[in-house]
Structure formats: C-alpha cells, structure tokens
C-alpha atoms as a PDB file:
ATOM      1  CA  MET A   1     -34.846 -12.469  -2.347  1.00  0.00           C
ATOM      2  CA  PRO A   2     -32.845 -15.419  -0.912  1.00  0.00           C
ATOM      3  CA  GLU A   3     -32.769 -15.879   2.855  1.00  0.00           C
ATOM      4  CA  ILE A   4     -29.726 -16.832   4.927  1.00  0.00           C
ATOM      5  CA  ASP A   5     -29.260 -18.146   8.468  1.00  0.00           C
ATOM      6  CA  PHE A   6     -26.945 -16.660  11.088  1.00  0.00           C
ATOM      7  CA  ASP A   7     -24.685 -19.680  10.766  1.00  0.00           C
ATOM      8  CA  PRO A   8     -20.850 -19.689  10.862  1.00  0.00           C
ATOM      9  CA  ILE A   9     -20.797 -21.732   7.654  1.00  0.00           C
ATOM     10  CA  HIS A  10     -21.943 -18.616   5.758  1.00  0.00           C
ATOM     11  CA  LYS A  11     -18.983 -16.518   6.892  1.00  0.00           C
ATOM     12  CA  ARG A  12     -16.685 -15.343   4.127  1.00  0.00           C
ATOM     13  CA  ALA A  13     -12.963 -15.141   4.714  1.00  0.00           C
ATOM     14  CA  SER A  14     -11.500 -11.639   4.674  1.00  0.00           C
ATOM     15  CA  ASP A  15      -8.018 -10.756   3.457  1.00  0.00           C
ATOM     16  CA  THR A  16      -8.016  -7.709   5.724  1.00  0.00           C
ATOM     17  CA  LEU A  17      -5.545  -7.959   8.591  1.00  0.00           C
ATOM     18  CA  GLU A  18      -7.173  -6.764  11.785  1.00  0.00           C
ATOM     19  CA  PHE A  19      -4.674  -5.472  14.308  1.00  0.00           C
ATOM     20  CA  ASP A  20      -4.215  -2.862  17.014  1.00  0.00           C
ATOM     21  CA  ARG A  21      -2.126  -0.196  15.291  1.00  0.00           C
ATOM     22  CA  LEU A  22       0.321   2.020  17.152  1.00  0.00           C
ATOM     23  CA  LYS A  23      -1.130   5.482  16.553  1.00  0.00           C
ATOM     24  CA  LEU A  24      -0.653   8.739  18.434  1.00  0.00           C
ATOM     25  CA  LYS A  25      -3.235  11.498  18.725  1.00  0.00           C
ATOM     26  CA  LYS A  26      -2.351  15.147  18.268  1.00  0.00           C
ATOM     27  CA  ASP A  27       0.160  16.253  20.960  1.00  0.00           C
ATOM     28  CA  GLU A  28       0.162  12.734  22.472  1.00  0.00           C
ATOM     29  CA  ARG A  29       3.285  10.931  23.681  1.00  0.00           C
ATOM     30  CA  ALA A  30       3.949   7.209  24.055  1.00  0.00           C
ATOM     31  CA  ARG A  31       6.625   4.912  25.420  1.00  0.00           C
ATOM     32  CA  ILE A  32       7.260   1.566  23.743  1.00  0.00           C
ATOM     33  CA  VAL A  33       9.755  -1.288  23.807  1.00  0.00           C
ATOM     34  CA  LEU A  34      10.912  -3.305  20.782  1.00  0.00           C
ATOM     35  CA  LEU A  35      11.182  -7.062  21.278  1.00  0.00           C
ATOM     36  CA  GLU A  36      11.670  -8.154  17.672  1.00  0.00           C
ATOM     37  CA  LYS A  37      13.164  -7.130  14.326  1.00  0.00           C
ATOM     38  CA  PRO A  38      10.895  -5.532  11.711  1.00  0.00           C
ATOM     39  CA  ILE A  39       9.810  -7.085   8.434  1.00  0.00           C
ATOM     40  CA  PHE A  40       9.553  -5.132   5.183  1.00  0.00           C
ATOM     41  CA  ALA A  41       7.674  -5.340   1.893  1.00  0.00           C
ATOM     42  CA  TYR A  42       7.655  -3.361  -1.344  1.00  0.00           C
ATOM     43  CA  VAL A  43       4.355  -1.570  -1.954  1.00  0.00           C
ATOM     44  CA  HIS A  44       2.830   0.879  -4.424  1.00  0.00           C
ATOM     45  CA  THR A  45       0.859   3.762  -2.920  1.00  0.00           C
ATOM     46  CA  LEU A  46      -1.849   4.482  -5.491  1.00  0.00           C
ATOM     47  CA  ARG A  47      -3.574   7.866  -5.617  1.00  0.00           C
ATOM     48  CA  ALA A  48      -5.801   9.596  -8.184  1.00  0.00           C
ATOM     49  CA  PRO A  49      -7.118  13.160  -8.622  1.00  0.00           C
ATOM     50  CA  LYS A  50     -10.304  13.836  -6.686  1.00  0.00           C
ATOM     51  CA  LEU A  51     -13.225  14.657  -8.976  1.00  0.00           C
ATOM     52  CA  VAL A  52     -16.411  16.518  -8.036  1.00  0.00           C
ATOM     53  CA  ASN A  53     -19.121  16.703 -10.708  1.00  0.00           C
ATOM     54  CA  GLY A  54     -16.544  15.573 -13.244  1.00  0.00           C
ATOM     55  CA  LEU A  55     -14.107  18.364 -12.403  1.00  0.00           C
ATOM     56  CA  PRO A  56     -10.794  18.046 -10.547  1.00  0.00           C
ATOM     57  CA  VAL A  57     -10.460  19.534  -7.068  1.00  0.00           C
ATOM     58  CA  LYS A  58      -7.398  21.684  -6.413  1.00  0.00           C
ATOM     59  CA  VAL A  59      -6.039  22.679  -3.016  1.00  0.00           C
ATOM     60  CA  GLU A  60      -3.195  24.705  -1.562  1.00  0.00           C
ATOM     61  CA  LYS A  61      -0.276  22.561  -0.422  1.00  0.00           C
ATOM     62  CA  GLU A  62       2.917  23.267   1.497  1.00  0.00           C
ATOM     63  CA  SER A  63       6.226  22.895  -0.320  1.00  0.00           C
ATOM     64  CA  ARG A  64       9.344  21.437   1.252  1.00  0.00           C
ATOM     65  CA  LYS A  65      10.956  24.867   1.179  1.00  0.00           C
ATOM     66  CA  GLY A  66       8.199  26.359   3.310  1.00  0.00           C
ATOM     67  CA  GLY A  67       6.080  28.036   0.636  1.00  0.00           C
ATOM     68  CA  THR A  68       2.728  27.019  -0.783  1.00  0.00           C
ATOM     69  CA  TYR A  69       1.460  25.981  -4.209  1.00  0.00           C
ATOM     70  CA  ILE A  70      -1.791  24.883  -5.844  1.00  0.00           C
ATOM     71  CA  ASP A  71      -2.078  21.242  -6.877  1.00  0.00           C
ATOM     72  CA  TYR A  72      -4.634  18.502  -7.404  1.00  0.00           C
ATOM     73  CA  ASP A  73      -6.363  17.119  -4.334  1.00  0.00           C
ATOM     74  CA  MET A  74      -5.761  13.362  -4.368  1.00  0.00           C
ATOM     75  CA  ASP A  75      -7.911  10.383  -3.382  1.00  0.00           C
ATOM     76  CA  PHE A  76      -6.222   7.359  -1.836  1.00  0.00           C
ATOM     77  CA  VAL A  77      -6.894   4.352  -4.099  1.00  0.00           C
ATOM     78  CA  GLY A  78      -4.915   1.636  -2.325  1.00  0.00           C
ATOM     79  CA  ARG A  79      -1.537   0.350  -1.214  1.00  0.00           C
ATOM     80  CA  PRO A  80      -1.069  -3.050  -2.894  1.00  0.00           C
ATOM     81  CA  LEU A  81       2.014  -5.188  -2.437  1.00  0.00           C
ATOM     82  CA  CYS A  82       4.350  -5.019  -5.429  1.00  0.00           C
ATOM     83  CA  PHE A  83       4.432  -8.102  -7.680  1.00  0.00           C
ATOM     84  CA  GLY A  84       8.115  -7.569  -8.414  1.00  0.00           C
ATOM     85  CA  ASP A  85      10.951  -9.925  -7.533  1.00  0.00           C
ATOM     86  CA  LEU A  86      12.766  -8.825  -4.360  1.00  0.00           C
ATOM     87  CA  GLY A  87      16.204  -9.212  -5.904  1.00  0.00           C
ATOM     88  CA  ILE A  88      15.273  -7.173  -8.970  1.00  0.00           C
ATOM     89  CA  LEU A  89      13.581  -4.496  -6.865  1.00  0.00           C
ATOM     90  CA  ALA A  90      16.645  -4.168  -4.632  1.00  0.00           C
ATOM     91  CA  ASP A  91      18.905  -3.892  -7.677  1.00  0.00           C
ATOM     92  CA  LYS A  92      16.858  -1.721 -10.046  1.00  0.00           C
ATOM     93  CA  GLY A  93      14.083  -0.230  -7.929  1.00  0.00           C
ATOM     94  CA  THR A  94      11.384  -1.525 -10.292  1.00  0.00           C
ATOM     95  CA  ASP A  95      10.453  -4.829 -11.936  1.00  0.00           C
ATOM     96  CA  GLU A  96       8.490  -4.037 -15.090  1.00  0.00           C
ATOM     97  CA  GLN A  97       8.328  -7.671 -16.238  1.00  0.00           C
ATOM     98  CA  ASN A  98       6.467  -8.943 -13.187  1.00  0.00           C
ATOM     99  CA  CYS A  99       4.528  -5.943 -11.867  1.00  0.00           C
ATOM    100  CA  PRO A 100       2.128  -3.775 -13.925  1.00  0.00           C
ATOM    101  CA  ALA A 101       2.437  -0.886 -11.463  1.00  0.00           C
ATOM    102  CA  CYS A 102       6.224  -0.927 -11.878  1.00  0.00           C
ATOM    103  CA  ALA A 103       5.808  -0.946 -15.662  1.00  0.00           C
ATOM    104  CA  ARG A 104       3.479   2.022 -15.464  1.00  0.00           C
ATOM    105  CA  SER A 105       5.746   3.930 -13.057  1.00  0.00           C
ATOM    106  CA  VAL A 106       8.652   4.034 -15.528  1.00  0.00           C
ATOM    107  CA  LYS A 107       6.383   5.466 -18.247  1.00  0.00           C
ATOM    108  CA  SER A 108       4.232   7.885 -16.298  1.00  0.00           C
ATOM    109  CA  GLU A 109       4.424  10.077 -13.194  1.00  0.00           C
ATOM    110  CA  GLU A 110       0.855   9.079 -12.376  1.00  0.00           C
ATOM    111  CA  ILE A 111       2.157   5.936 -10.614  1.00  0.00           C
ATOM    112  CA  GLY A 112       5.040   5.988  -8.163  1.00  0.00           C
ATOM    113  CA  ALA A 113       7.839   3.457  -7.983  1.00  0.00           C
ATOM    114  CA  PRO A 114       7.570   0.796  -5.251  1.00  0.00           C
ATOM    115  CA  GLU A 115       8.669   1.777  -1.758  1.00  0.00           C
ATOM    116  CA  ARG A 116       9.714  -0.291   1.219  1.00  0.00           C
ATOM    117  CA  ARG A 117       7.343  -0.218   4.186  1.00  0.00           C
ATOM    118  CA  PHE A 118       8.141  -1.799   7.512  1.00  0.00           C
ATOM    119  CA  ALA A 119       6.180  -3.287  10.395  1.00  0.00           C
ATOM    120  CA  LEU A 120       6.844  -4.917  13.745  1.00  0.00           C
ATOM    121  CA  ASN A 121       5.067  -5.734  16.984  1.00  0.00           C
ATOM    122  CA  VAL A 122       5.817  -3.399  19.893  1.00  0.00           C
ATOM    123  CA  ILE A 123       4.762  -3.219  23.520  1.00  0.00           C
ATOM    124  CA  ARG A 124       3.174   0.091  24.499  1.00  0.00           C
ATOM    125  CA  TYR A 125       3.342   0.865  28.197  1.00  0.00           C
ATOM    126  CA  GLY A 126       0.398   2.118  30.176  1.00  0.00           C
ATOM    127  CA  MET A 127       1.707   5.482  31.408  1.00  0.00           C
ATOM    128  CA  THR A 128       0.486   8.261  33.699  1.00  0.00           C
ATOM    129  CA  ARG A 129       0.622  11.920  32.712  1.00  0.00           C
ATOM    130  CA  ASP A 130       3.848  12.438  34.640  1.00  0.00           C
ATOM    131  CA  GLY A 131       5.605   9.634  32.724  1.00  0.00           C
ATOM    132  CA  SER A 132       5.353   6.860  35.334  1.00  0.00           C
ATOM    133  CA  LEU A 133       3.993   3.338  34.842  1.00  0.00           C
ATOM    134  CA  ILE A 134       0.333   3.093  35.750  1.00  0.00           C
ATOM    135  CA  LYS A 135      -0.693   0.988  38.756  1.00  0.00           C
ATOM    136  CA  PRO A 136      -1.710  -1.749  38.498  1.00  0.00           C
ATOM    137  CA  PHE A 137       0.596  -2.039  35.513  1.00  0.00           C
ATOM    138  CA  LYS A 138      -0.761  -2.962  32.108  1.00  0.00           C
ATOM    139  CA  CYS A 139       0.479  -2.752  28.522  1.00  0.00           C
ATOM    140  CA  ASP A 140      -0.683  -3.440  24.965  1.00  0.00           C
ATOM    141  CA  CYS A 141       0.883  -5.293  22.043  1.00  0.00           C
ATOM    142  CA  GLN A 142       0.449  -3.121  18.955  1.00  0.00           C
ATOM    143  CA  VAL A 143       1.636  -3.225  15.339  1.00  0.00           C
ATOM    144  CA  TRP A 144       3.812  -0.321  14.243  1.00  0.00           C
ATOM    145  CA  PRO A 145       3.892   0.162  10.442  1.00  0.00           C
ATOM    146  CA  PHE A 146       6.355   2.814   9.294  1.00  0.00           C
ATOM    147  CA  THR A 147       8.114   4.260   6.270  1.00  0.00           C
ATOM    148  CA  GLU A 148      11.669   4.312   4.994  1.00  0.00           C
ATOM    149  CA  GLY A 149      12.217   7.674   6.674  1.00  0.00           C
ATOM    150  CA  VAL A 150      11.306   6.344  10.129  1.00  0.00           C
ATOM    151  CA  PHE A 151      13.446   3.265   9.508  1.00  0.00           C
ATOM    152  CA  ASN A 152      16.468   5.480   8.807  1.00  0.00           C
ATOM    153  CA  ARG A 153      15.844   7.395  12.028  1.00  0.00           C
ATOM    154  CA  LEU A 154      15.789   4.120  13.964  1.00  0.00           C
ATOM    155  CA  ILE A 155      19.066   3.127  12.329  1.00  0.00           C
ATOM    156  CA  ASN A 156      20.602   6.394  13.539  1.00  0.00           C
ATOM    157  CA  ILE A 157      19.401   5.709  17.089  1.00  0.00           C
ATOM    158  CA  ALA A 158      20.792   2.168  16.929  1.00  0.00           C
ATOM    159  CA  GLU A 159      24.161   3.462  15.738  1.00  0.00           C
ATOM    160  CA  GLU A 160      24.388   5.787  18.736  1.00  0.00           C
ATOM    161  CA  HIS A 161      22.807   3.669  21.483  1.00  0.00           C
ATOM    162  CA  GLY A 162      23.331   0.089  20.320  1.00  0.00           C
ATOM    163  CA  SER A 163      20.800  -2.646  19.655  1.00  0.00           C
ATOM    164  CA  LEU A 164      17.170  -1.558  19.818  1.00  0.00           C
ATOM    165  CA  ILE A 165      15.895  -4.988  20.832  1.00  0.00           C
ATOM    166  CA  GLY A 166      14.735  -4.675  24.423  1.00  0.00           C
ATOM    167  CA  ARG A 167      15.272  -0.905  24.453  1.00  0.00           C
ATOM    168  CA  ASP A 168      12.589   1.646  25.289  1.00  0.00           C
ATOM    169  CA  LEU A 169      11.737   4.344  22.762  1.00  0.00           C
ATOM    170  CA  ILE A 170       9.958   7.595  23.622  1.00  0.00           C
ATOM    171  CA  LEU A 171       7.620   8.856  20.917  1.00  0.00           C
ATOM    172  CA  GLY A 172       6.108  12.303  20.594  1.00  0.00           C
ATOM    173  CA  PRO A 173       4.629  14.721  20.945  1.00  0.00           C
ATOM    174  CA  CYS A 174       2.660  14.010  17.761  1.00  0.00           C
ATOM    175  CA  THR A 175       2.562  17.065  15.504  1.00  0.00           C
ATOM    176  CA  ASN A 176       0.413  15.571  12.724  1.00  0.00           C
ATOM    177  CA  GLU A 177      -2.107  12.864  13.580  1.00  0.00           C
ATOM    178  CA  VAL A 178      -2.988  12.063   9.959  1.00  0.00           C
ATOM    179  CA  PHE A 179       0.603  11.449   8.861  1.00  0.00           C
ATOM    180  CA  GLN A 180       1.791  10.312  12.318  1.00  0.00           C
ATOM    181  CA  LYS A 181       4.677  12.746  12.601  1.00  0.00           C
ATOM    182  CA  PHE A 182       6.474  12.640  15.940  1.00  0.00           C
ATOM    183  CA  GLU A 183       9.956  12.631  17.406  1.00  0.00           C
ATOM    184  CA  ILE A 184      11.653   9.350  18.357  1.00  0.00           C
ATOM    185  CA  GLN A 185      14.201   9.169  21.181  1.00  0.00           C
ATOM    186  CA  ALA A 186      15.933   6.336  23.010  1.00  0.00           C
ATOM    187  CA  GLY A 187      14.832   5.896  26.617  1.00  0.00           C
ATOM    188  CA  ALA A 188      17.433   6.236  29.368  1.00  0.00           C
ATOM    189  CA  GLN A 189      16.221   2.938  30.850  1.00  0.00           C
ATOM    190  CA  SER A 190      14.107  -0.042  29.876  1.00  0.00           C
ATOM    191  CA  LEU A 191      11.081   0.135  32.171  1.00  0.00           C
ATOM    192  CA  TRP A 192       9.948  -3.362  31.290  1.00  0.00           C
ATOM    193  CA  GLN A 193      12.826  -4.680  33.384  1.00  0.00           C
ATOM    194  CA  SER A 194      12.058  -2.481  36.395  1.00  0.00           C
ATOM    195  CA  THR A 195      10.386  -5.295  38.374  1.00  0.00           C
ATOM    196  CA  GLU A 196       9.774  -8.988  37.855  1.00  0.00           C
ATOM    197  CA  ASP A 197       6.006  -8.428  37.751  1.00  0.00           C
ATOM    198  CA  VAL A 198       6.312  -5.757  35.049  1.00  0.00           C
ATOM    199  CA  LYS A 199       8.705  -7.947  33.069  1.00  0.00           C
ATOM    200  CA  ALA A 200       6.386 -10.957  33.270  1.00  0.00           C
ATOM    201  CA  THR A 201       3.412  -8.855  32.140  1.00  0.00           C
ATOM    202  CA  VAL A 202       5.312  -7.405  29.175  1.00  0.00           C
ATOM    203  CA  VAL A 203       6.645 -10.776  28.019  1.00  0.00           C
ATOM    204  CA  SER A 204       3.296 -12.576  28.316  1.00  0.00           C
ATOM    205  CA  THR A 205       1.437  -9.735  26.565  1.00  0.00           C
ATOM    206  CA  TYR A 206       3.913  -9.883  23.694  1.00  0.00           C
ATOM    207  CA  GLN A 207       3.867 -13.673  23.374  1.00  0.00           C
ATOM    208  CA  GLU A 208       0.078 -13.979  23.513  1.00  0.00           C
ATOM    209  CA  ASN A 209      -0.885 -11.041  21.286  1.00  0.00           C
ATOM    210  CA  ARG A 210       1.840 -10.531  18.673  1.00  0.00           C
ATOM    211  CA  ILE A 211       0.744 -10.655  15.009  1.00  0.00           C
ATOM    212  CA  PRO A 212       2.950 -13.092  13.037  1.00  0.00           C
ATOM    213  CA  GLU A 213       1.742 -12.163   9.509  1.00  0.00           C
ATOM    214  CA  LEU A 214       2.953  -8.591   9.332  1.00  0.00           C
ATOM    215  CA  GLU A 215       3.331  -8.325   5.542  1.00  0.00           C
ATOM    216  CA  ARG A 216      -0.305  -7.289   5.216  1.00  0.00           C
ATOM    217  CA  ALA A 217       0.328  -4.494   7.709  1.00  0.00           C
ATOM    218  CA  CYS A 218       2.636  -3.016   5.048  1.00  0.00           C
ATOM    219  CA  GLY A 219       0.236  -3.341   2.105  1.00  0.00           C
ATOM    220  CA  ARG A 220      -2.714  -5.163   0.598  1.00  0.00           C
ATOM    221  CA  LYS A 221      -2.182  -8.463  -1.190  1.00  0.00           C
ATOM    222  CA  ALA A 222      -4.177  -7.852  -4.372  1.00  0.00           C
ATOM    223  CA  GLU A 223      -4.848 -10.064  -7.367  1.00  0.00           C
ATOM    224  CA  LEU A 224      -3.150  -9.005 -10.586  1.00  0.00           C
ATOM    225  CA  LYS A 225      -6.429  -8.190 -12.337  1.00  0.00           C
ATOM    226  CA  TRP A 226      -7.532  -5.854  -9.534  1.00  0.00           C
ATOM    227  CA  MET A 227      -4.226  -4.000  -9.579  1.00  0.00           C
ATOM    228  CA  ILE A 228      -4.634  -3.496 -13.339  1.00  0.00           C
ATOM    229  CA  LYS A 229      -8.192  -2.279 -12.791  1.00  0.00           C
ATOM    230  CA  ASP A 230      -6.974   0.248 -10.200  1.00  0.00           C
ATOM    231  CA  LEU A 231      -4.306   1.459 -12.613  1.00  0.00           C
ATOM    232  CA  ASP A 232      -6.961   1.869 -15.289  1.00  0.00           C
ATOM    233  CA  THR A 233      -9.126   3.880 -12.883  1.00  0.00           C
ATOM    234  CA  ILE A 234      -6.198   6.164 -12.051  1.00  0.00           C
ATOM    235  CA  ALA A 235      -5.418   6.699 -15.746  1.00  0.00           C
ATOM    236  CA  GLU A 236      -9.045   7.612 -16.466  1.00  0.00           C
ATOM    237  CA  ARG A 237      -9.103  10.045 -13.516  1.00  0.00           C
ATOM    238  CA  TRP A 238      -5.984  11.794 -14.805  1.00  0.00           C
ATOM    239  CA  LYS A 239      -7.397  12.069 -18.316  1.00  0.00           C
ATOM    240  CA  THR A 240     -10.573  13.631 -16.943  1.00  0.00           C
ATOM    241  CA  ALA A 241      -8.618  15.990 -14.690  1.00  0.00           C
ATOM    242  CA  ARG A 242      -6.535  17.171 -17.652  1.00  0.00           C
ATOM    243  CA  GLY A 243      -9.513  17.467 -19.978  1.00  0.00           C
ATOM    244  CA  GLU A 244      -8.273  14.673 -22.227  1.00  0.00           C
ATOM    245  CA  SER A 245     -11.473  12.824 -23.014  1.00  0.00           C
ATOM    246  CA  ASP A 246     -10.802  11.884 -26.632  1.00  0.00           C
ATOM    247  CA  ALA A 247      -9.424   8.402 -25.868  1.00  0.00           C
ATOM    248  CA  THR A 248      -9.564   5.702 -23.266  1.00  0.00           C
ATOM    249  CA  ALA A 249      -6.475   5.439 -21.034  1.00  0.00           C
ATOM    250  CA  SER A 250      -4.185   2.468 -21.435  1.00  0.00           C
ATOM    251  CA  VAL A 251      -4.639  -0.281 -18.873  1.00  0.00           C
ATOM    252  CA  GLY A 252      -1.764  -0.299 -16.415  1.00  0.00           C
ATOM    253  CA  GLY A 253       0.622   1.245 -18.902  1.00  0.00           C
ATOM    254  CA  PHE A 254       0.721  -1.888 -21.078  1.00  0.00           C
ATOM    255  CA  GLY A 255      -1.266  -0.566 -24.047  1.00  0.00           C
ATOM    256  CA  ASP A 256      -4.213  -2.854 -24.737  1.00  0.00           C
ATOM    257  CA  LEU A 257      -5.125  -5.493 -22.175  1.00  0.00           C
ATOM    258  CA  ASP A 258      -4.322  -8.491 -24.384  1.00  0.00           C
ATOM    259  CA  GLN A 259      -0.788  -7.265 -25.008  1.00  0.00           C
ATOM    260  CA  GLY A 260      -0.294  -6.321 -21.352  1.00  0.00           C
ATOM    261  CA  LEU A 261      -1.211  -9.755 -20.073  1.00  0.00           C
ATOM    262  CA  ALA A 262       0.847 -11.375 -22.794  1.00  0.00           C
ATOM    263  CA  ASP A 263       3.894  -9.350 -21.675  1.00  0.00           C
ATOM    264  CA  LEU A 264       3.406 -10.493 -18.081  1.00  0.00           C
ATOM    265  CA  LEU A 265       2.945 -14.114 -19.045  1.00  0.00           C
ATOM    266  CA  ASN A 266       5.693 -14.053 -21.712  1.00  0.00           C
ATOM    267  CA  THR A 267       3.238 -15.187 -24.372  1.00  0.00           C
ATOM    268  CA  THR A 268       2.281 -13.887 -27.777  1.00  0.00           C
ATOM    269  CA  PRO A 269      -1.286 -12.559 -28.032  1.00  0.00           C
ATOM    270  CA  ALA A 270      -3.552 -14.059 -30.661  1.00  0.00           C
ATOM    271  CA  ALA A 271      -3.611 -11.943 -33.800  1.00  0.00           C
ATOM    272  CA  ALA A 272      -6.961 -10.403 -34.654  1.00  0.00           C
ATOM    273  CA  THR A 273      -8.260 -10.860 -38.184  1.00  0.00           C
ATOM    274  CA  ALA A 274     -10.519  -8.706 -40.261  1.00  0.00           C
ATOM    275  CA  THR A 275     -12.108 -11.734 -42.004  1.00  0.00           C
ATOM    276  CA  PRO A 276     -15.593 -12.290 -40.516  1.00  0.00           C
ATOM    277  CA  ALA A 277     -15.391 -16.070 -40.989  1.00  0.00           C
ATOM    278  CA  SER A 278     -12.199 -16.408 -38.912  1.00  0.00           C
ATOM    279  CA  PRO A 279     -12.454 -17.269 -35.207  1.00  0.00           C
ATOM    280  CA  ALA A 280     -12.452 -14.251 -32.893  1.00  0.00           C
ATOM    281  CA  PRO A 281      -9.437 -13.819 -30.565  1.00  0.00           C
ATOM    282  CA  VAL A 282      -9.802 -14.717 -26.893  1.00  0.00           C
ATOM    283  CA  ASP A 283     -11.615 -11.892 -25.100  1.00  0.00           C
ATOM    284  CA  MET A 284      -9.227 -11.331 -22.158  1.00  0.00           C
ATOM    285  CA  ALA A 285     -11.095  -8.197 -21.099  1.00  0.00           C
ATOM    286  CA  ALA A 286     -14.265 -10.250 -20.553  1.00  0.00           C
ATOM    287  CA  LEU A 287     -12.320 -12.868 -18.583  1.00  0.00           C
ATOM    288  CA  LEU A 288     -11.056 -10.151 -16.225  1.00  0.00           C
ATOM    289  CA  ASN A 289     -14.483  -8.498 -15.939  1.00  0.00           C
ATOM    290  CA  PHE A 290     -13.436  -5.407 -17.914  1.00  0.00           C
ATOM    291  CA  THR A 291     -16.027  -3.572 -19.980  1.00  0.00           C
ATOM    292  CA  ASP A 292     -15.813  -4.474 -23.647  1.00  0.00           C
ATOM    293  CA  THR A 293     -14.997  -1.337 -25.627  1.00  0.00           C
ATOM    294  CA  THR A 294     -15.186  -2.989 -29.074  1.00  0.00           C
ATOM    295  CA  PRO A 295     -17.466  -0.912 -31.326  1.00  0.00           C
ATOM    296  CA  ALA A 296     -20.731  -2.631 -32.257  1.00  0.00           C
ATOM    297  CA  GLU A 297     -21.525  -3.576 -35.848  1.00  0.00           C
ATOM    298  CA  PRO A 298     -23.025  -0.485 -37.545  1.00  0.00           C
ATOM    299  CA  THR A 299     -26.725  -0.597 -38.364  1.00  0.00           C
ATOM    300  CA  PRO A 300     -27.367  -0.628 -42.134  1.00  0.00           C
ATOM    301  CA  PRO A 301     -28.238   2.905 -43.193  1.00  0.00           C
ATOM    302  CA  THR A 302     -31.787   3.689 -44.199  1.00  0.00           C
ATOM    303  CA  SER A 303     -30.731   6.466 -46.506  1.00  0.00           C
ATOM    304  CA  THR A 304     -28.298   6.785 -49.332  1.00  0.00           C
ATOM    305  CA  THR A 305     -25.893   8.721 -47.141  1.00  0.00           C
ATOM    306  CA  LYS A 306     -22.859   6.642 -46.210  1.00  0.00           C
ATOM    307  CA  PRO A 307     -22.459   6.585 -42.383  1.00  0.00           C
ATOM    308  CA  GLU A 308     -19.255   7.851 -40.863  1.00  0.00           C
ATOM    309  CA  PRO A 309     -17.106   4.989 -39.488  1.00  0.00           C
ATOM    310  CA  ALA A 310     -16.919   4.740 -35.713  1.00  0.00           C
ATOM    311  CA  ALA A 311     -13.746   6.207 -34.200  1.00  0.00           C
ATOM    312  CA  PRO A 312     -11.465   3.476 -32.836  1.00  0.00           C
ATOM    313  CA  THR A 313     -11.050   3.304 -29.093  1.00  0.00           C
ATOM    314  CA  THR A 314      -7.644   2.907 -27.668  1.00  0.00           C
ATOM    315  CA  THR A 315      -7.644   1.944 -24.720  1.00  0.00           C
ATOM    316  CA  ALA A 316      14.229  -4.602  -3.601  1.00  0.00           C
ATOM    317  CA  SER A 317      16.452  -6.702  -1.981  1.00  0.00           C
ATOM    318  CA  GLY A 318      18.901  -5.969   0.710  1.00  0.00           C
ATOM    319  CA  GLU A 319      18.043  -7.326   4.131  1.00  0.00           C
ATOM    320  CA  PRO A 320      16.733  -4.729   6.661  1.00  0.00           C
ATOM    321  CA  PHE A 321      19.147  -3.207   9.162  1.00  0.00           C
ATOM    322  CA  ASP A 322      20.096  -5.758  11.781  1.00  0.00           C
ATOM    323  CA  PHE A 323      18.696  -4.374  15.044  1.00  0.00           C
ATOM    324  CA  GLY A 324      20.527  -7.182  16.902  1.00  0.00           C
ATOM    325  CA  SER A 325      19.662 -10.664  18.045  1.00  0.00           C
ATOM    326  CA  ILE A 326      16.362 -11.343  19.734  1.00  0.00           C
ATOM    327  CA  LEU A 327      16.708 -10.645  23.441  1.00  0.00           C
ATOM    328  CA  ASP A 328      17.757 -13.814  25.227  1.00  0.00           C
ATOM    329  CA  GLY A 329      15.827 -14.946  28.218  1.00  0.00           C
ATOM    330  CA  LEU A 330      12.684 -12.872  27.725  1.00  0.00           C
ATOM    331  CA  ALA A 331      10.800 -15.295  29.919  1.00  0.00           C
END
C-alpha cells in the first residue's frame, strides 16, 4: 500500500461550502438582523424511494388537508444547481435543452421542476432567556438558506414595515426542527443600534465573517455526468419500487446516453452499424464511467440446438424582491 506524509501539498480541494447555518432547535427562538440582500439560484431537489432488501419502504404521511395517507418513504439524493439558462427558467420554468433534470421533469413525475432557493448572511444576536442582549454582548454571522415560501413571507413583512435591511426579525418558536418551520415577525426596534459598542460589534462581525459565495448554500454545483448518473439511479429505484425489472431505466430521461449527450451538445450521434468490419461508434458510456450494458458476443453452441438471442437492453429569471439599498454608514 502507498504511504503518504501529513503534508499540505497532499490536501485535495473540496467543493463543499462550509458555513455556520442559521438553524433553530425545537421550540427555540432567535433574533437576527439583515444587513444585505439575498441571492438566489435554481436547484433540483432529487429524491428516490427508499429500498430495504430490494423492497420499497412505505410510511404514513400527513396530507395538506389534515388527513393521512400511505406513500413511499424517500431518500434524499442531492440538491444540484440547475444547468438551465436563467432567462429561460424565469420564462418557462424549465430548460430542457441545457439541463437533463429539467428534461426529465417534463416527462416524468419522478423528477421535480427546478425551484428557486435563497441565501444571505445574517447576524444572530446573543440573547438571554428573557429576550435581552447578553452581557458582555456577542453575536454570530450565519448563513440563512430558505425556500420560495419563506421569501414570500419576507416580502409580506417588507410591504408592511418597509425595507428589511438593518431591521431585526424575530424567529420562532420552531415547530419542526427537521424542516425548520417557525414564525417570522418584524422586531419593534433594531437592537444592533442600541449602543455604539453593540453596533461596532455587529458591523465588525458581519464584515469579518460573511460568506461571499452563497450560491453553493442554495445547492451543489455538480458536473453534468454526475447529475445524469443521479437521475439514472433515481429511475432504477423507481423501477424496482414499482416491480418493473424487465428493462433498464433511461438515463436522465434522454433515452440512450449517446442520444442524450448529443441533444445537450446539439450534435448528431454516430450511427451504429451491424457490419462487424465497420468501426464501432464512440463509447460515451465508458467515457462517463457508466457500466457498459452491451450484450456480449454469444458463445458458439456445443449442441445442435440454436441458442435464444439475448434480449436487448434499453436503457428563472426575474430579479429577487428588492429589500432596499444596503444600509448606509454601517461603520
């Protein structure tokens, strides 16, 4: 086995964005102040049926009308950034020409259409149980990722109370820690301006600790081939869950992989030929590390019985709501 030294030169770069996320525990409350506008990105939330010993797991779920129903338990696969053009996504909601997940979403309910997710840096106050600032005062700069629903609630608050930049928001109590469900209200005052010392601490904490690259807080920046592989995994999971094991699922909703990549790249795939002496077409599946599903050449029979032939295998953009200009004179 090869050895390796504990040397910085052997570090590998990670695409994972490490940040302190704003997150409330069950029944917890928090008070924050917004000092910037949010960014947004279109993402696909990918999920697949959970399988145990090759069988789908079903659970009881709550309906929006208050009842319950039985449905598949779902595994979270990933939340990649959409490959679609922002203008096309804002106009149509999907961009099938540039994003394989979009193309799949218009053909199958297994993949959802892209959604906008938002993120911004916020200052979270250190608070006592009675709602006062802790002494000595301290605060944290945290990243708050949120959904379209939360964004609409913030718009409603802004319409009633004015610009949210520099305004305190009171969050909680949290009713669901997993899905981060809590009430959001505008504070009657902005505590960060209560004293010069508190103001200086808030401003310096924000300036020194804010995360500038917030897009990755909305979703993962994946390579095209890995998104297609995830889509293939989801398709296979659904086929297994439904008991459809007679064929291999299409990759990313494009049909075969060669044709799917050709559609994305606006090229014509090389035509396959049945003549053994002709050159074989480019094996795109091998290039993308997919398992070759081409049937092997049949072994010559040892009897007079003619072997059965192998069965073929088939395989957004309006700008976000203007919360107002960045607060002048933060320092």
